[in-house]
N, C-alpha and C. Protein backbone atom coordinates (compact mmCIF):
# COMPACT_ATOMS: atom_id res chain seq x y z
N UNK A 1 0.81 -1.19 0.00
CA UNK A 1 0.00 0.00 0.00
C UNK A 1 0.86 1.27 0.00
N UNK A 2 1.97 1.24 0.76
CA UNK A 2 2.85 2.41 0.81
C UNK A 2 3.52 2.65 -0.54
N UNK A 3 3.84 1.58 -1.28
CA UNK A 3 4.44 1.74 -2.61
C UNK A 3 3.49 2.46 -3.54
N UNK A 4 2.22 2.13 -3.47
CA UNK A 4 1.22 2.76 -4.34
C UNK A 4 1.12 4.25 -4.03
N UNK A 5 1.11 4.62 -2.74
CA UNK A 5 1.04 6.04 -2.37
C UNK A 5 2.27 6.78 -2.87
N UNK A 6 3.45 6.16 -2.71
CA UNK A 6 4.69 6.78 -3.16
C UNK A 6 4.63 7.05 -4.66
N UNK A 7 4.24 6.04 -5.43
CA UNK A 7 4.18 6.21 -6.88
C UNK A 7 3.09 7.21 -7.28
N UNK A 8 2.00 7.23 -6.55
CA UNK A 8 0.93 8.19 -6.83
C UNK A 8 1.42 9.63 -6.65
N UNK A 9 2.14 9.86 -5.53
CA UNK A 9 2.70 11.18 -5.27
C UNK A 9 3.74 11.53 -6.33
N UNK A 10 4.56 10.57 -6.70
CA UNK A 10 5.59 10.77 -7.72
C UNK A 10 4.95 11.15 -9.06
N UNK A 11 3.89 10.45 -9.45
CA UNK A 11 3.21 10.73 -10.72
C UNK A 11 2.56 12.10 -10.68
N UNK A 12 1.91 12.44 -9.59
CA UNK A 12 1.27 13.76 -9.47
C UNK A 12 2.32 14.86 -9.53
N UNK A 13 3.43 14.69 -8.81
CA UNK A 13 4.51 15.68 -8.84
C UNK A 13 5.05 15.86 -10.26
N UNK A 14 5.25 14.75 -10.96
CA UNK A 14 5.75 14.80 -12.33
C UNK A 14 4.77 15.51 -13.26
N UNK A 15 3.49 15.22 -13.09
CA UNK A 15 2.46 15.84 -13.92
C UNK A 15 2.40 17.35 -13.68
N UNK A 16 2.42 17.75 -12.42
CA UNK A 16 2.39 19.18 -12.10
C UNK A 16 3.64 19.87 -12.66
N UNK A 17 4.80 19.25 -12.50
CA UNK A 17 6.03 19.83 -13.04
C UNK A 17 5.95 19.98 -14.55
N UNK A 18 5.43 18.97 -15.23
CA UNK A 18 5.29 19.03 -16.68
C UNK A 18 4.36 20.16 -17.10
N UNK A 19 3.21 20.28 -16.44
CA UNK A 19 2.25 21.32 -16.81
C UNK A 19 2.82 22.72 -16.56
N UNK A 20 3.58 22.90 -15.48
CA UNK A 20 4.17 24.20 -15.21
C UNK A 20 5.27 24.55 -16.19
N UNK A 21 5.95 23.55 -16.71
CA UNK A 21 7.06 23.82 -17.62
C UNK A 21 6.61 24.02 -19.06
N UNK A 22 5.34 23.82 -19.36
CA UNK A 22 4.85 23.96 -20.73
C UNK A 22 4.81 25.41 -21.19
N UNK A 23 4.66 26.35 -20.28
CA UNK A 23 4.61 27.74 -20.66
C UNK A 23 5.99 28.27 -21.02
N UNK A 24 6.00 29.37 -21.77
CA UNK A 24 7.25 30.00 -22.16
C UNK A 24 7.60 31.03 -21.08
N UNK A 25 8.84 31.02 -20.62
CA UNK A 25 9.25 31.98 -19.61
C UNK A 25 9.39 33.37 -20.22
N UNK A 26 9.36 34.38 -19.37
CA UNK A 26 9.52 35.75 -19.86
C UNK A 26 10.89 35.93 -20.50
N UNK A 27 11.91 35.28 -19.96
CA UNK A 27 13.25 35.38 -20.52
C UNK A 27 13.30 34.78 -21.92
N UNK A 28 12.64 33.64 -22.09
CA UNK A 28 12.59 33.00 -23.40
C UNK A 28 11.81 33.85 -24.40
N UNK A 29 10.69 34.40 -23.97
CA UNK A 29 9.90 35.28 -24.84
C UNK A 29 10.72 36.50 -25.24
N UNK A 30 11.43 37.10 -24.28
CA UNK A 30 12.26 38.27 -24.57
C UNK A 30 13.30 37.95 -25.62
N UNK A 31 13.95 36.81 -25.49
CA UNK A 31 14.98 36.41 -26.45
C UNK A 31 14.37 36.21 -27.84
N UNK A 32 13.22 35.55 -27.91
CA UNK A 32 12.57 35.30 -29.20
C UNK A 32 12.14 36.60 -29.87
N UNK A 33 11.58 37.52 -29.08
CA UNK A 33 11.15 38.81 -29.65
C UNK A 33 12.36 39.60 -30.13
N UNK A 34 13.45 39.63 -29.35
CA UNK A 34 14.65 40.35 -29.76
C UNK A 34 15.20 39.77 -31.06
N UNK A 35 15.24 38.45 -31.19
CA UNK A 35 15.71 37.83 -32.42
C UNK A 35 14.82 38.20 -33.59
N UNK A 36 13.52 38.27 -33.37
CA UNK A 36 12.59 38.65 -34.43
C UNK A 36 12.80 40.10 -34.85
N UNK A 37 13.02 40.99 -33.89
CA UNK A 37 13.27 42.41 -34.20
C UNK A 37 14.54 42.55 -35.04
N UNK A 38 15.61 41.90 -34.61
CA UNK A 38 16.87 41.97 -35.34
C UNK A 38 16.71 41.42 -36.75
N UNK A 39 16.05 40.29 -36.89
CA UNK A 39 15.83 39.69 -38.21
C UNK A 39 15.03 40.64 -39.11
N UNK A 40 14.00 41.25 -38.56
CA UNK A 40 13.16 42.17 -39.34
C UNK A 40 13.96 43.38 -39.82
N UNK A 41 14.76 43.96 -38.93
CA UNK A 41 15.56 45.12 -39.32
C UNK A 41 16.66 44.75 -40.31
N UNK A 42 17.24 43.56 -40.16
CA UNK A 42 18.26 43.12 -41.12
C UNK A 42 17.65 42.93 -42.50
N UNK A 43 16.45 42.38 -42.56
CA UNK A 43 15.77 42.17 -43.84
C UNK A 43 15.37 43.49 -44.48
N UNK A 44 15.23 44.55 -43.68
CA UNK A 44 14.81 45.84 -44.24
C UNK A 44 16.00 46.71 -44.65
N UNK A 45 17.18 46.10 -44.80
CA UNK A 45 18.31 46.82 -45.35
C UNK A 45 19.38 47.20 -44.35
N UNK A 46 19.40 46.58 -43.19
CA UNK A 46 20.43 46.86 -42.19
C UNK A 46 21.15 45.56 -41.83
N UNK A 47 21.95 45.01 -42.76
CA UNK A 47 22.58 43.71 -42.51
C UNK A 47 23.62 43.73 -41.40
N UNK A 48 24.17 44.91 -41.07
CA UNK A 48 25.18 45.00 -40.02
C UNK A 48 24.59 45.47 -38.69
N UNK A 49 23.32 45.24 -38.50
CA UNK A 49 22.63 45.68 -37.30
C UNK A 49 23.27 45.10 -36.04
N UNK A 50 23.40 45.94 -35.03
CA UNK A 50 23.87 45.50 -33.72
C UNK A 50 22.89 45.99 -32.67
N UNK A 51 22.67 45.18 -31.66
CA UNK A 51 21.82 45.56 -30.54
C UNK A 51 22.74 46.12 -29.47
N UNK A 52 22.53 47.40 -29.12
CA UNK A 52 23.40 48.00 -28.11
C UNK A 52 22.85 47.84 -26.71
N UNK A 53 21.56 47.78 -26.58
CA UNK A 53 20.93 47.49 -25.29
C UNK A 53 19.89 46.42 -25.52
N UNK A 54 20.03 45.32 -24.79
CA UNK A 54 19.11 44.21 -24.95
C UNK A 54 17.68 44.64 -24.66
N UNK A 55 16.78 43.90 -25.26
CA UNK A 55 15.36 44.12 -25.04
C UNK A 55 15.02 43.80 -23.59
N UNK A 56 14.29 44.69 -22.98
CA UNK A 56 13.78 44.47 -21.63
C UNK A 56 12.27 44.54 -21.73
N UNK A 57 11.60 43.47 -21.31
CA UNK A 57 10.14 43.44 -21.34
C UNK A 57 9.58 43.46 -19.93
N UNK A 58 8.48 44.20 -19.77
CA UNK A 58 7.74 44.26 -18.51
C UNK A 58 6.32 43.82 -18.81
N UNK A 59 5.81 42.91 -18.01
CA UNK A 59 4.46 42.39 -18.25
C UNK A 59 3.42 43.41 -17.77
N UNK A 60 2.52 43.83 -18.69
CA UNK A 60 1.45 44.77 -18.37
C UNK A 60 0.19 44.04 -17.95
N UNK A 61 -0.10 42.93 -18.61
CA UNK A 61 -1.27 42.12 -18.29
C UNK A 61 -0.93 40.68 -18.62
N UNK A 62 -1.92 39.82 -18.59
CA UNK A 62 -1.67 38.41 -18.83
C UNK A 62 -1.05 38.16 -20.20
N UNK A 63 -1.45 38.94 -21.21
CA UNK A 63 -0.98 38.71 -22.58
C UNK A 63 -0.18 39.87 -23.16
N UNK A 64 -0.03 40.96 -22.43
CA UNK A 64 0.64 42.15 -22.97
C UNK A 64 1.93 42.46 -22.22
N UNK A 65 2.95 42.81 -23.02
CA UNK A 65 4.24 43.21 -22.49
C UNK A 65 4.65 44.50 -23.16
N UNK A 66 5.48 45.27 -22.50
CA UNK A 66 6.03 46.49 -23.08
C UNK A 66 7.51 46.55 -22.73
N UNK A 67 8.28 47.25 -23.54
CA UNK A 67 9.71 47.33 -23.28
C UNK A 67 10.40 48.27 -24.24
N UNK A 68 11.73 48.18 -24.25
CA UNK A 68 12.51 49.01 -25.16
C UNK A 68 13.80 48.29 -25.55
N UNK A 69 14.33 48.73 -26.68
CA UNK A 69 15.58 48.18 -27.20
C UNK A 69 16.30 49.29 -27.96
N UNK A 70 17.63 49.31 -27.90
CA UNK A 70 18.42 50.28 -28.65
C UNK A 70 19.22 49.54 -29.71
N UNK A 71 19.10 50.01 -30.95
CA UNK A 71 19.75 49.36 -32.08
C UNK A 71 20.77 50.29 -32.72
N UNK A 72 21.88 49.73 -33.19
CA UNK A 72 22.82 50.46 -34.05
C UNK A 72 22.43 50.15 -35.48
N UNK A 73 22.03 51.17 -36.22
CA UNK A 73 21.59 51.01 -37.60
C UNK A 73 22.53 51.78 -38.51
N UNK A 74 22.60 51.34 -39.74
CA UNK A 74 23.48 52.01 -40.70
C UNK A 74 22.65 52.44 -41.91
N UNK A 75 22.78 53.71 -42.27
CA UNK A 75 22.19 54.14 -43.54
C UNK A 75 23.32 54.16 -44.56
N UNK A 76 23.17 54.87 -45.66
CA UNK A 76 24.20 54.85 -46.71
C UNK A 76 25.56 55.35 -46.24
N UNK A 77 25.58 56.27 -45.27
CA UNK A 77 26.85 56.88 -44.89
C UNK A 77 27.19 56.76 -43.41
N UNK A 78 26.20 56.71 -42.57
CA UNK A 78 26.44 56.83 -41.14
C UNK A 78 25.89 55.65 -40.35
N UNK A 79 26.49 55.48 -39.19
CA UNK A 79 25.98 54.55 -38.20
C UNK A 79 25.25 55.40 -37.16
N UNK A 80 24.04 55.03 -36.81
CA UNK A 80 23.28 55.81 -35.84
C UNK A 80 22.51 54.86 -34.93
N UNK A 81 22.12 55.39 -33.78
CA UNK A 81 21.36 54.60 -32.82
C UNK A 81 19.89 54.98 -32.88
N UNK A 82 19.08 53.98 -32.68
CA UNK A 82 17.64 54.19 -32.63
C UNK A 82 17.11 53.41 -31.43
N UNK A 83 16.41 54.10 -30.55
CA UNK A 83 15.78 53.43 -29.41
C UNK A 83 14.30 53.26 -29.73
N UNK A 84 13.84 52.05 -29.59
CA UNK A 84 12.47 51.72 -29.92
C UNK A 84 11.69 51.30 -28.69
N UNK A 85 10.45 51.72 -28.62
CA UNK A 85 9.52 51.19 -27.64
C UNK A 85 8.86 49.99 -28.28
N UNK A 86 8.78 48.90 -27.56
CA UNK A 86 8.25 47.65 -28.09
C UNK A 86 7.00 47.26 -27.30
N UNK A 87 5.95 46.90 -28.02
CA UNK A 87 4.75 46.33 -27.41
C UNK A 87 4.60 44.92 -27.96
N UNK A 88 4.34 43.97 -27.07
CA UNK A 88 4.23 42.56 -27.45
C UNK A 88 2.91 42.01 -26.93
N UNK A 89 2.25 41.26 -27.79
CA UNK A 89 1.08 40.48 -27.39
C UNK A 89 1.47 39.02 -27.53
N UNK A 90 1.29 38.27 -26.46
CA UNK A 90 1.71 36.87 -26.41
C UNK A 90 0.55 36.02 -25.89
N UNK A 91 0.07 35.09 -26.72
CA UNK A 91 -1.07 34.27 -26.33
C UNK A 91 -0.68 32.96 -25.65
N UNK A 92 0.58 32.80 -25.36
CA UNK A 92 1.06 31.56 -24.74
C UNK A 92 1.77 30.66 -25.73
N UNK A 93 1.52 30.87 -27.02
CA UNK A 93 2.16 30.08 -28.07
C UNK A 93 2.85 30.96 -29.09
N UNK A 94 2.20 32.01 -29.52
CA UNK A 94 2.76 32.90 -30.54
C UNK A 94 2.79 34.33 -30.01
N UNK A 95 3.64 35.14 -30.61
CA UNK A 95 3.71 36.54 -30.21
C UNK A 95 3.65 37.43 -31.44
N UNK A 96 3.27 38.67 -31.18
CA UNK A 96 3.25 39.70 -32.21
C UNK A 96 3.82 40.96 -31.56
N UNK A 97 4.78 41.59 -32.22
CA UNK A 97 5.36 42.80 -31.64
C UNK A 97 5.16 43.97 -32.58
N UNK A 98 5.10 45.16 -31.99
CA UNK A 98 5.08 46.40 -32.74
C UNK A 98 6.13 47.32 -32.11
N UNK A 99 6.75 48.13 -32.93
CA UNK A 99 7.80 49.02 -32.47
C UNK A 99 7.46 50.45 -32.85
N UNK A 100 7.79 51.38 -31.97
CA UNK A 100 7.66 52.79 -32.29
C UNK A 100 8.93 53.48 -31.78
N UNK A 101 9.33 54.51 -32.52
CA UNK A 101 10.56 55.22 -32.18
C UNK A 101 10.33 56.09 -30.96
N UNK A 102 11.30 56.01 -30.05
CA UNK A 102 11.25 56.86 -28.85
C UNK A 102 11.77 58.24 -29.19
N UNK A 103 11.20 59.24 -28.55
CA UNK A 103 11.67 60.63 -28.76
C UNK A 103 12.79 60.95 -27.82
């Protein structure tokens, strides 16, 4: 009887651990969004893009995050920095980000 209780507790613990680990952590989401931002800017004509300040996200609600990132961008002649405000909507599986230039 004690073996059955032990295995029951073990199975329940494993199941709870599995369910808790299924979600994406904020750190993982931040990394994925930053990679997406860099990829998007590189595709738009900035192949030498560098991130000078990593993306920092703050959770506003269950599905909404906000943050900022500073990028080194190059036009035809100059290298310049652009700081962007980032808004992210994350449904638990996919995300969508929008960026606006900070003043």
